[in-house]
């Protein structure tokens, strides 16, 4: 292959980005994962706004509690022993465990910032694909979550925009995807 042929193939690949900029779409999907982790946190950790300040991730209560087994979505073994060690009809969670431990026992983790908002932003439910049109791409969120976003950002500051670190990472990720696409195109 001559240099002119190589340049022609490169220009052809780059020109195709005007109608289908797949490297951009992949980079946006990648950065959405990083933003999801930052915003919504993981496990017991809270998320952070764009300035790096912690967001509220309220833990479940650890106050002493008795729960009617009929109200539980799952059977919990070993929790029907009361304070005095005798068998009782309720599930008993002593001080320091409470509702927090009950939720863990039934495989329902800590509260997220908002389950519906998390699903919408992370595209966990598959209903909010990345907006893709030619040389443009964007993370989409269902309009029903707009009020939550505005309320959270009013209370905690900018949340749903990339941080400087995310912008820097996005640039590197995009460059890698562009390089990969050009290399595949000239093979």
N, C-alpha and C. Protein backbone atom coordinates (compact mmCIF):
# COMPACT_ATOMS: atom_id res chain seq x y z
N UNK A 1 0.86 -1.18 0.00
CA UNK A 1 0.00 0.00 0.00
C UNK A 1 0.90 1.23 0.00
N UNK A 2 0.56 2.15 -0.86
CA UNK A 2 1.34 3.39 -0.93
C UNK A 2 0.86 4.37 0.13
N UNK A 3 1.63 5.40 0.34
CA UNK A 3 1.26 6.43 1.32
C UNK A 3 -0.04 7.12 0.90
N UNK A 4 -0.19 7.37 -0.38
CA UNK A 4 -1.42 8.01 -0.87
C UNK A 4 -2.64 7.12 -0.62
N UNK A 5 -2.47 5.81 -0.83
CA UNK A 5 -3.58 4.87 -0.57
C UNK A 5 -3.92 4.84 0.92
N UNK A 6 -2.88 4.84 1.74
CA UNK A 6 -3.08 4.86 3.20
C UNK A 6 -3.83 6.11 3.64
N UNK A 7 -3.40 7.26 3.14
CA UNK A 7 -4.06 8.51 3.49
C UNK A 7 -5.51 8.53 3.00
N UNK A 8 -5.75 7.99 1.82
CA UNK A 8 -7.12 7.93 1.28
C UNK A 8 -8.01 7.08 2.17
N UNK A 9 -7.49 5.93 2.64
CA UNK A 9 -8.28 5.07 3.53
C UNK A 9 -8.55 5.77 4.87
N UNK A 10 -7.54 6.46 5.39
CA UNK A 10 -7.73 7.18 6.65
C UNK A 10 -8.80 8.26 6.50
N UNK A 11 -8.73 9.01 5.43
CA UNK A 11 -9.72 10.07 5.19
C UNK A 11 -11.12 9.48 5.00
N UNK A 12 -11.20 8.32 4.38
CA UNK A 12 -12.50 7.66 4.19
C UNK A 12 -13.10 7.27 5.54
N UNK A 13 -12.26 6.71 6.42
CA UNK A 13 -12.74 6.34 7.75
C UNK A 13 -13.17 7.59 8.52
N UNK A 14 -12.36 8.61 8.50
CA UNK A 14 -12.67 9.85 9.22
C UNK A 14 -13.93 10.50 8.66
N UNK A 15 -14.10 10.46 7.35
CA UNK A 15 -15.30 11.02 6.72
C UNK A 15 -16.56 10.26 7.14
N UNK A 16 -16.41 8.95 7.38
CA UNK A 16 -17.56 8.15 7.80
C UNK A 16 -18.06 8.56 9.20
N UNK A 17 -17.19 9.19 9.98
CA UNK A 17 -17.58 9.64 11.32
C UNK A 17 -18.68 10.70 11.27
N UNK A 18 -18.82 11.41 10.16
CA UNK A 18 -19.84 12.45 10.06
C UNK A 18 -21.25 11.87 10.16
N UNK A 19 -21.43 10.64 9.69
CA UNK A 19 -22.76 10.02 9.74
C UNK A 19 -22.88 8.97 10.84
N UNK A 20 -21.75 8.41 11.27
CA UNK A 20 -21.79 7.35 12.29
C UNK A 20 -20.47 7.38 13.06
N UNK A 21 -20.43 8.22 14.09
CA UNK A 21 -19.19 8.41 14.87
C UNK A 21 -19.15 7.38 16.00
N UNK A 22 -19.01 6.13 15.63
CA UNK A 22 -19.03 5.03 16.60
C UNK A 22 -18.02 5.20 17.73
N UNK A 23 -16.80 5.66 17.47
CA UNK A 23 -15.86 5.87 18.58
C UNK A 23 -16.42 6.83 19.65
N UNK A 24 -17.11 7.88 19.22
CA UNK A 24 -17.72 8.82 20.17
C UNK A 24 -18.80 8.13 20.97
N UNK A 25 -19.64 7.35 20.31
CA UNK A 25 -20.73 6.67 20.99
C UNK A 25 -20.18 5.71 22.06
N UNK A 26 -19.11 5.00 21.72
CA UNK A 26 -18.49 4.07 22.67
C UNK A 26 -17.87 4.82 23.85
N UNK A 27 -17.24 5.95 23.57
CA UNK A 27 -16.61 6.75 24.63
C UNK A 27 -17.67 7.31 25.59
N UNK A 28 -18.80 7.75 25.05
CA UNK A 28 -19.88 8.27 25.90
C UNK A 28 -20.43 7.15 26.78
N UNK A 29 -20.61 5.96 26.22
CA UNK A 29 -21.09 4.82 27.01
C UNK A 29 -20.10 4.50 28.12
N UNK A 30 -18.82 4.57 27.81
CA UNK A 30 -17.78 4.28 28.79
C UNK A 30 -17.78 5.30 29.92
N UNK A 31 -17.88 6.58 29.57
CA UNK A 31 -17.83 7.62 30.60
C UNK A 31 -19.11 7.60 31.43
N UNK A 32 -20.24 7.16 30.83
CA UNK A 32 -21.47 7.05 31.61
C UNK A 32 -21.28 6.06 32.76
N UNK A 33 -20.56 4.98 32.51
CA UNK A 33 -20.28 4.00 33.58
C UNK A 33 -19.49 4.65 34.71
N UNK A 34 -18.47 5.43 34.36
CA UNK A 34 -17.67 6.10 35.38
C UNK A 34 -18.50 7.13 36.14
N UNK A 35 -19.33 7.88 35.43
CA UNK A 35 -20.17 8.89 36.08
C UNK A 35 -21.19 8.21 37.00
N UNK A 36 -21.74 7.08 36.57
CA UNK A 36 -22.71 6.36 37.39
C UNK A 36 -22.08 5.96 38.72
N UNK A 37 -20.85 5.45 38.66
CA UNK A 37 -20.15 5.05 39.87
C UNK A 37 -19.91 6.27 40.77
N UNK A 38 -19.51 7.39 40.16
CA UNK A 38 -19.26 8.61 40.96
C UNK A 38 -20.53 9.13 41.59
N UNK A 39 -21.60 9.21 40.81
CA UNK A 39 -22.83 9.83 41.28
C UNK A 39 -23.56 8.96 42.30
N UNK A 40 -23.68 7.69 42.01
CA UNK A 40 -24.52 6.84 42.84
C UNK A 40 -23.73 6.02 43.85
N UNK A 41 -22.40 6.05 43.76
CA UNK A 41 -21.58 5.32 44.71
C UNK A 41 -21.76 3.83 44.55
N UNK A 42 -21.25 3.08 45.50
CA UNK A 42 -21.42 1.63 45.49
C UNK A 42 -21.46 1.13 46.91
N UNK A 43 -22.17 0.04 47.11
CA UNK A 43 -22.26 -0.53 48.45
C UNK A 43 -22.81 0.48 49.43
N UNK A 44 -22.08 0.69 50.51
CA UNK A 44 -22.53 1.63 51.54
C UNK A 44 -22.01 3.04 51.29
N UNK A 45 -21.15 3.21 50.30
CA UNK A 45 -20.58 4.52 50.03
C UNK A 45 -21.54 5.42 49.30
N UNK A 46 -21.49 6.69 49.63
CA UNK A 46 -22.35 7.64 48.93
C UNK A 46 -21.64 8.12 47.68
N UNK A 47 -22.40 8.71 46.79
CA UNK A 47 -21.83 9.26 45.58
C UNK A 47 -21.28 10.66 45.82
N UNK A 48 -20.83 11.30 44.74
CA UNK A 48 -20.27 12.64 44.85
C UNK A 48 -20.82 13.50 43.73
N UNK A 49 -20.95 14.80 44.02
CA UNK A 49 -21.36 15.72 42.96
C UNK A 49 -20.14 16.05 42.11
N UNK A 50 -20.30 16.90 41.11
CA UNK A 50 -19.21 17.21 40.19
C UNK A 50 -18.04 17.91 40.90
N UNK A 51 -18.30 18.56 42.01
CA UNK A 51 -17.24 19.23 42.77
C UNK A 51 -16.54 18.29 43.74
N UNK A 52 -17.02 17.04 43.83
CA UNK A 52 -16.39 16.06 44.71
C UNK A 52 -16.98 15.99 46.10
N UNK A 53 -18.05 16.75 46.38
CA UNK A 53 -18.68 16.71 47.69
C UNK A 53 -19.60 15.49 47.78
N UNK A 54 -19.66 14.90 48.96
CA UNK A 54 -20.50 13.71 49.15
C UNK A 54 -21.97 14.03 48.98
N UNK A 55 -22.68 13.08 48.37
CA UNK A 55 -24.13 13.15 48.27
C UNK A 55 -24.72 12.33 49.39
N UNK A 56 -25.94 12.62 49.73
CA UNK A 56 -26.61 11.90 50.79
C UNK A 56 -26.93 10.48 50.34
N UNK A 57 -26.53 9.53 51.12
CA UNK A 57 -26.88 8.12 50.90
C UNK A 57 -27.28 7.59 52.26
N UNK A 58 -28.51 7.83 52.63
CA UNK A 58 -28.98 7.56 53.98
C UNK A 58 -29.03 6.06 54.22
N UNK A 59 -28.36 5.62 55.26
CA UNK A 59 -28.38 4.20 55.62
C UNK A 59 -29.70 3.87 56.30
N UNK A 60 -30.08 2.61 56.20
CA UNK A 60 -31.28 2.16 56.90
C UNK A 60 -31.03 2.20 58.40
N UNK A 61 -32.10 2.27 59.15
CA UNK A 61 -32.03 2.35 60.60
C UNK A 61 -31.39 1.09 61.19
N UNK A 62 -30.63 1.28 62.27
CA UNK A 62 -30.05 0.16 63.00
C UNK A 62 -30.70 0.03 64.37
N UNK A 63 -31.83 0.72 64.57
CA UNK A 63 -32.56 0.60 65.84
C UNK A 63 -33.20 -0.78 65.94
N UNK A 64 -33.38 -1.24 67.16
CA UNK A 64 -34.01 -2.53 67.42
C UNK A 64 -35.38 -2.61 66.73
N UNK A 65 -35.68 -3.79 66.15
CA UNK A 65 -36.95 -3.92 65.42
C UNK A 65 -37.43 -5.37 65.43
N UNK A 66 -38.77 -5.52 65.43
CA UNK A 66 -39.42 -6.82 65.26
C UNK A 66 -40.21 -6.73 63.95
N UNK A 67 -40.11 -7.76 63.11
CA UNK A 67 -40.78 -7.73 61.81
C UNK A 67 -41.65 -8.97 61.68
N UNK A 68 -42.89 -8.78 61.29
CA UNK A 68 -43.81 -9.88 61.06
C UNK A 68 -43.33 -10.67 59.84
N UNK A 69 -43.08 -11.97 59.97
CA UNK A 69 -42.59 -12.77 58.85
C UNK A 69 -43.53 -12.73 57.64
N UNK A 70 -44.83 -12.53 57.87
CA UNK A 70 -45.77 -12.46 56.75
C UNK A 70 -45.56 -11.20 55.92
N UNK A 71 -44.93 -10.19 56.48
CA UNK A 71 -44.68 -8.94 55.76
C UNK A 71 -43.34 -8.97 55.01
N UNK A 72 -42.58 -10.04 55.24
CA UNK A 72 -41.26 -10.14 54.60
C UNK A 72 -41.38 -10.78 53.22
N UNK A 73 -40.70 -10.23 52.24
CA UNK A 73 -40.75 -10.83 50.90
C UNK A 73 -40.00 -12.16 50.81
N UNK A 74 -39.13 -12.43 51.77
CA UNK A 74 -38.37 -13.68 51.81
C UNK A 74 -38.31 -14.19 53.24
N UNK A 75 -38.18 -15.52 53.35
CA UNK A 75 -38.01 -16.12 54.67
C UNK A 75 -36.60 -15.84 55.16
N UNK A 76 -36.48 -15.47 56.42
CA UNK A 76 -35.19 -15.19 57.03
C UNK A 76 -34.98 -16.20 58.14
N UNK A 77 -33.94 -17.00 58.04
CA UNK A 77 -33.70 -18.02 59.06
C UNK A 77 -32.86 -17.46 60.21
N UNK A 78 -33.11 -18.00 61.40
CA UNK A 78 -32.33 -17.63 62.57
C UNK A 78 -32.67 -16.29 63.18
N UNK A 79 -33.74 -15.67 62.75
CA UNK A 79 -34.10 -14.35 63.27
C UNK A 79 -35.36 -14.39 64.13
N UNK A 80 -35.84 -15.60 64.46
CA UNK A 80 -37.06 -15.69 65.27
C UNK A 80 -36.75 -16.00 66.73
N UNK A 81 -35.60 -15.55 67.19
CA UNK A 81 -35.21 -15.69 68.59
C UNK A 81 -35.22 -14.31 69.22
N UNK A 82 -36.00 -14.16 70.26
CA UNK A 82 -36.17 -12.86 70.90
C UNK A 82 -35.03 -12.47 71.83
N UNK A 83 -35.24 -11.38 72.56
CA UNK A 83 -34.23 -10.82 73.47
C UNK A 83 -33.81 -11.82 74.54
N UNK A 84 -34.74 -12.61 75.00
CA UNK A 84 -34.45 -13.53 76.12
C UNK A 84 -34.00 -14.90 75.63
N UNK A 85 -33.83 -15.04 74.31
CA UNK A 85 -33.33 -16.30 73.78
C UNK A 85 -34.41 -17.32 73.44
N UNK A 86 -35.67 -16.98 73.67
CA UNK A 86 -36.74 -17.92 73.35
C UNK A 86 -37.28 -17.63 71.95
N UNK A 87 -37.92 -18.66 71.37
CA UNK A 87 -38.46 -18.51 70.03
C UNK A 87 -39.69 -17.60 70.05
N UNK A 88 -39.75 -16.70 69.08
CA UNK A 88 -40.88 -15.79 68.96
C UNK A 88 -41.43 -15.87 67.54
N UNK A 89 -42.59 -15.29 67.32
CA UNK A 89 -43.22 -15.36 66.00
C UNK A 89 -42.69 -14.31 65.03
N UNK A 90 -42.01 -13.30 65.51
CA UNK A 90 -41.49 -12.23 64.67
C UNK A 90 -40.01 -12.46 64.37
N UNK A 91 -39.51 -11.72 63.37
CA UNK A 91 -38.07 -11.67 63.16
C UNK A 91 -37.56 -10.57 64.08
N UNK A 92 -36.52 -10.87 64.83
CA UNK A 92 -35.99 -9.90 65.78
C UNK A 92 -34.60 -9.46 65.35
N UNK A 93 -34.42 -8.13 65.33
CA UNK A 93 -33.12 -7.53 65.02
C UNK A 93 -32.77 -6.59 66.16
N UNK A 94 -31.74 -6.93 66.94
CA UNK A 94 -31.39 -6.10 68.10
C UNK A 94 -30.79 -4.75 67.70
N UNK A 95 -30.63 -3.89 68.72
CA UNK A 95 -30.01 -2.58 68.51
C UNK A 95 -28.67 -2.78 67.81
N UNK A 96 -28.41 -1.94 66.83
CA UNK A 96 -27.16 -2.04 66.08
C UNK A 96 -27.32 -2.82 64.78
N UNK A 97 -28.43 -3.53 64.63
CA UNK A 97 -28.71 -4.27 63.39
C UNK A 97 -29.94 -3.69 62.73
N UNK A 98 -31.08 -3.83 63.37
CA UNK A 98 -32.32 -3.23 62.92
C UNK A 98 -32.68 -3.49 61.47
N UNK A 99 -33.39 -2.53 60.90
CA UNK A 99 -33.91 -2.64 59.54
C UNK A 99 -32.78 -2.77 58.53
N UNK A 100 -31.63 -2.18 58.83
CA UNK A 100 -30.47 -2.25 57.94
C UNK A 100 -30.06 -3.71 57.71
N UNK A 101 -29.97 -4.50 58.77
CA UNK A 101 -29.58 -5.90 58.65
C UNK A 101 -30.70 -6.72 58.02
N UNK A 102 -31.95 -6.40 58.34
CA UNK A 102 -33.08 -7.09 57.71
C UNK A 102 -33.02 -6.93 56.19
N UNK A 103 -32.79 -5.71 55.71
CA UNK A 103 -32.71 -5.48 54.27
C UNK A 103 -31.57 -6.30 53.64
N UNK A 104 -30.45 -6.40 54.35
CA UNK A 104 -29.33 -7.21 53.85
C UNK A 104 -29.72 -8.69 53.83
N UNK A 105 -30.44 -9.14 54.87
CA UNK A 105 -30.88 -10.55 54.94
C UNK A 105 -31.80 -10.94 53.79
N UNK A 106 -32.59 -10.01 53.32
CA UNK A 106 -33.51 -10.32 52.22
C UNK A 106 -32.93 -9.87 50.87
N UNK A 107 -31.61 -9.63 50.85
CA UNK A 107 -30.89 -9.26 49.62
C UNK A 107 -31.38 -7.98 48.99
N UNK A 108 -31.68 -7.01 49.80
CA UNK A 108 -32.03 -5.68 49.31
C UNK A 108 -31.04 -4.72 49.93
N UNK A 109 -30.10 -4.24 49.15
CA UNK A 109 -29.00 -3.43 49.66
C UNK A 109 -29.41 -2.04 50.11
N UNK A 110 -28.40 -1.24 50.39
CA UNK A 110 -28.61 0.14 50.83
C UNK A 110 -29.44 0.91 49.82
N UNK A 111 -30.10 1.90 50.32
CA UNK A 111 -30.82 2.81 49.42
C UNK A 111 -29.84 3.48 48.48
N UNK A 112 -30.24 3.63 47.27
CA UNK A 112 -29.45 4.42 46.33
C UNK A 112 -30.01 5.82 46.36
N UNK A 113 -29.31 6.72 45.69
CA UNK A 113 -29.79 8.10 45.62
C UNK A 113 -31.25 8.09 45.19
N UNK A 114 -31.57 7.32 44.19
CA UNK A 114 -32.93 7.09 43.74
C UNK A 114 -32.88 5.91 42.79
N UNK A 115 -33.62 4.86 43.09
CA UNK A 115 -33.56 3.67 42.24
C UNK A 115 -33.96 3.97 40.80
N UNK A 116 -35.06 4.69 40.61
CA UNK A 116 -35.50 4.99 39.24
C UNK A 116 -34.51 5.89 38.53
N UNK A 117 -33.99 6.86 39.23
CA UNK A 117 -33.01 7.76 38.64
C UNK A 117 -31.73 7.00 38.31
N UNK A 118 -31.30 6.12 39.20
CA UNK A 118 -30.13 5.29 38.93
C UNK A 118 -30.34 4.45 37.68
N UNK A 119 -31.49 3.80 37.60
CA UNK A 119 -31.78 2.95 36.43
C UNK A 119 -31.82 3.77 35.15
N UNK A 120 -32.41 4.96 35.24
CA UNK A 120 -32.51 5.81 34.05
C UNK A 120 -31.14 6.30 33.60
N UNK A 121 -30.32 6.75 34.54
CA UNK A 121 -29.01 7.29 34.17
C UNK A 121 -28.07 6.20 33.71
N UNK A 122 -28.03 5.09 34.43
CA UNK A 122 -27.07 4.03 34.11
C UNK A 122 -27.55 3.18 32.94
N UNK A 123 -28.80 3.36 32.54
CA UNK A 123 -29.44 2.57 31.50
C UNK A 123 -29.57 1.11 31.92
N UNK A 124 -29.67 0.90 33.23
CA UNK A 124 -29.80 -0.45 33.77
C UNK A 124 -31.04 -1.15 33.20
N UNK A 125 -32.11 -0.40 33.00
CA UNK A 125 -33.35 -0.98 32.48
C UNK A 125 -33.35 -1.08 30.96
N UNK A 126 -32.39 -0.46 30.31
CA UNK A 126 -32.30 -0.52 28.86
C UNK A 126 -33.25 0.42 28.13
N UNK A 127 -33.84 1.36 28.85
CA UNK A 127 -34.80 2.28 28.25
C UNK A 127 -34.21 3.61 27.83
N UNK A 128 -32.98 3.88 28.20
CA UNK A 128 -32.37 5.18 27.93
C UNK A 128 -31.04 5.02 27.21
N UNK A 129 -31.12 4.69 25.94
CA UNK A 129 -29.86 4.54 25.20
C UNK A 129 -29.17 5.88 25.02
N UNK A 130 -27.93 5.81 24.64
CA UNK A 130 -27.19 7.03 24.36
C UNK A 130 -27.74 7.62 23.07
N UNK A 131 -28.00 8.92 23.09
CA UNK A 131 -28.46 9.63 21.90
C UNK A 131 -27.29 9.65 20.91
N UNK A 132 -27.55 9.14 19.71
CA UNK A 132 -26.51 9.07 18.69
C UNK A 132 -27.03 9.68 17.41
N UNK A 133 -26.38 10.71 16.95
CA UNK A 133 -26.75 11.29 15.67
C UNK A 133 -25.51 11.92 15.04
N UNK A 134 -24.99 11.26 14.03
CA UNK A 134 -23.82 11.77 13.32
C UNK A 134 -22.65 12.02 14.23
N UNK A 135 -22.23 13.27 14.33
CA UNK A 135 -21.07 13.64 15.14
C UNK A 135 -21.46 14.02 16.57
N UNK A 136 -22.69 13.72 16.97
CA UNK A 136 -23.17 14.08 18.31
C UNK A 136 -23.59 12.84 19.08
N UNK A 137 -23.38 12.89 20.38
CA UNK A 137 -23.80 11.82 21.27
C UNK A 137 -24.08 12.44 22.64
N UNK A 138 -25.04 11.88 23.36
CA UNK A 138 -25.36 12.40 24.69
C UNK A 138 -25.97 11.29 25.54
N UNK A 139 -25.80 11.41 26.83
CA UNK A 139 -26.46 10.51 27.77
C UNK A 139 -27.89 11.00 27.92
N UNK A 140 -28.85 10.12 27.77
CA UNK A 140 -30.25 10.52 27.90
C UNK A 140 -30.82 10.00 29.21
N UNK A 141 -31.74 10.76 29.75
CA UNK A 141 -32.46 10.36 30.96
C UNK A 141 -33.93 10.62 30.70
N UNK A 142 -34.77 9.68 31.09
CA UNK A 142 -36.20 9.81 30.88
C UNK A 142 -36.71 11.12 31.49
N UNK A 143 -37.60 11.78 30.78
CA UNK A 143 -38.13 13.07 31.24
C UNK A 143 -38.80 12.99 32.61
N UNK A 144 -39.30 11.81 32.96
CA UNK A 144 -39.97 11.66 34.26
C UNK A 144 -39.00 11.87 35.42
N UNK A 145 -37.70 11.83 35.16
CA UNK A 145 -36.70 12.00 36.22
C UNK A 145 -36.19 13.45 36.30
N UNK A 146 -36.66 14.33 35.43
CA UNK A 146 -36.19 15.72 35.40
C UNK A 146 -36.36 16.42 36.74
N UNK A 147 -37.50 16.25 37.37
CA UNK A 147 -37.75 16.90 38.66
C UNK A 147 -36.78 16.45 39.72
N UNK A 148 -36.44 15.15 39.73
CA UNK A 148 -35.49 14.63 40.70
C UNK A 148 -34.11 15.24 40.46
N UNK A 149 -33.73 15.31 39.20
CA UNK A 149 -32.42 15.87 38.87
C UNK A 149 -32.34 17.32 39.33
N UNK A 150 -33.36 18.11 39.00
CA UNK A 150 -33.36 19.52 39.40
C UNK A 150 -33.34 19.67 40.91
N UNK A 151 -34.12 18.86 41.61
CA UNK A 151 -34.15 18.92 43.07
C UNK A 151 -32.81 18.55 43.69
N UNK A 152 -32.19 17.50 43.18
CA UNK A 152 -30.89 17.08 43.70
C UNK A 152 -29.82 18.13 43.42
N UNK A 153 -29.83 18.68 42.22
CA UNK A 153 -28.80 19.67 41.89
C UNK A 153 -29.03 20.98 42.64
N UNK A 154 -30.29 21.28 42.96
CA UNK A 154 -30.55 22.47 43.77
C UNK A 154 -29.98 22.28 45.18
N UNK A 155 -30.09 21.06 45.68
CA UNK A 155 -29.64 20.78 47.05
C UNK A 155 -28.14 20.51 47.12
N UNK A 156 -27.58 19.79 46.13
CA UNK A 156 -26.19 19.33 46.22
C UNK A 156 -25.24 19.94 45.20
N UNK A 157 -25.72 20.81 44.33
CA UNK A 157 -24.85 21.37 43.29
C UNK A 157 -24.86 20.50 42.05
N UNK A 158 -24.01 20.82 41.11
CA UNK A 158 -23.96 20.11 39.83
C UNK A 158 -23.57 18.65 40.07
N UNK A 159 -24.40 17.76 39.58
CA UNK A 159 -24.16 16.33 39.75
C UNK A 159 -23.98 15.65 38.40
N UNK A 160 -24.87 15.93 37.47
CA UNK A 160 -24.96 15.17 36.23
C UNK A 160 -24.16 15.78 35.08
N UNK A 161 -23.02 16.36 35.40
CA UNK A 161 -22.06 16.82 34.40
C UNK A 161 -20.72 16.19 34.73
N UNK A 162 -19.90 16.04 33.71
CA UNK A 162 -18.59 15.42 33.94
C UNK A 162 -17.71 16.31 34.81
N UNK A 163 -16.92 15.67 35.66
CA UNK A 163 -15.90 16.39 36.41
C UNK A 163 -14.71 16.62 35.49
N UNK A 164 -13.76 17.42 35.91
CA UNK A 164 -12.57 17.65 35.10
C UNK A 164 -11.83 16.34 34.85
N UNK A 165 -11.75 15.50 35.87
CA UNK A 165 -11.09 14.20 35.72
C UNK A 165 -11.81 13.34 34.69
N UNK A 166 -13.15 13.36 34.74
CA UNK A 166 -13.93 12.58 33.77
C UNK A 166 -13.76 13.13 32.36
N UNK A 167 -13.69 14.46 32.23
CA UNK A 167 -13.46 15.06 30.91
C UNK A 167 -12.10 14.64 30.36
N UNK A 168 -11.07 14.65 31.22
CA UNK A 168 -9.73 14.23 30.79
C UNK A 168 -9.75 12.76 30.37
N UNK A 169 -10.39 11.93 31.18
CA UNK A 169 -10.47 10.50 30.86
C UNK A 169 -11.26 10.29 29.58
N UNK A 170 -12.33 11.06 29.40
CA UNK A 170 -13.14 10.95 28.19
C UNK A 170 -12.30 11.24 26.94
N UNK A 171 -11.48 12.27 26.99
CA UNK A 171 -10.61 12.61 25.86
C UNK A 171 -9.67 11.48 25.50
N UNK A 172 -9.09 10.84 26.52
CA UNK A 172 -8.18 9.72 26.28
C UNK A 172 -8.92 8.51 25.72
N UNK A 173 -10.09 8.23 26.29
CA UNK A 173 -10.89 7.10 25.83
C UNK A 173 -11.31 7.32 24.39
N UNK A 174 -11.78 8.52 24.07
CA UNK A 174 -12.20 8.84 22.71
C UNK A 174 -11.03 8.69 21.74
N UNK A 175 -9.86 9.18 22.12
CA UNK A 175 -8.68 9.07 21.26
C UNK A 175 -8.34 7.60 20.99
N UNK A 176 -8.45 6.77 22.02
CA UNK A 176 -8.18 5.33 21.83
C UNK A 176 -9.17 4.71 20.86
N UNK A 177 -10.46 5.04 21.02
CA UNK A 177 -11.49 4.47 20.13
C UNK A 177 -11.31 4.98 18.69
N UNK A 178 -10.95 6.23 18.53
CA UNK A 178 -10.72 6.78 17.18
C UNK A 178 -9.53 6.07 16.53
N UNK A 179 -8.45 5.93 17.28
CA UNK A 179 -7.27 5.25 16.76
C UNK A 179 -7.60 3.82 16.35
N UNK A 180 -8.34 3.14 17.20
CA UNK A 180 -8.74 1.76 16.91
C UNK A 180 -9.60 1.69 15.63
N UNK A 181 -10.54 2.62 15.49
CA UNK A 181 -11.40 2.64 14.30
C UNK A 181 -10.60 2.92 13.03
N UNK A 182 -9.67 3.85 13.11
CA UNK A 182 -8.85 4.17 11.93
C UNK A 182 -7.97 2.97 11.57
N UNK A 183 -7.37 2.34 12.60
CA UNK A 183 -6.55 1.17 12.32
C UNK A 183 -7.34 0.04 11.68
N UNK A 184 -8.56 -0.19 12.14
CA UNK A 184 -9.41 -1.22 11.54
C UNK A 184 -9.78 -0.84 10.11
N UNK A 185 -9.99 0.43 9.87
CA UNK A 185 -10.40 0.91 8.56
C UNK A 185 -9.32 0.84 7.50
N UNK A 186 -8.07 0.84 7.92
CA UNK A 186 -6.99 0.81 6.93
C UNK A 186 -6.40 -0.58 6.75
N UNK A 187 -6.93 -1.55 7.44
CA UNK A 187 -6.42 -2.93 7.31
C UNK A 187 -6.70 -3.49 5.95
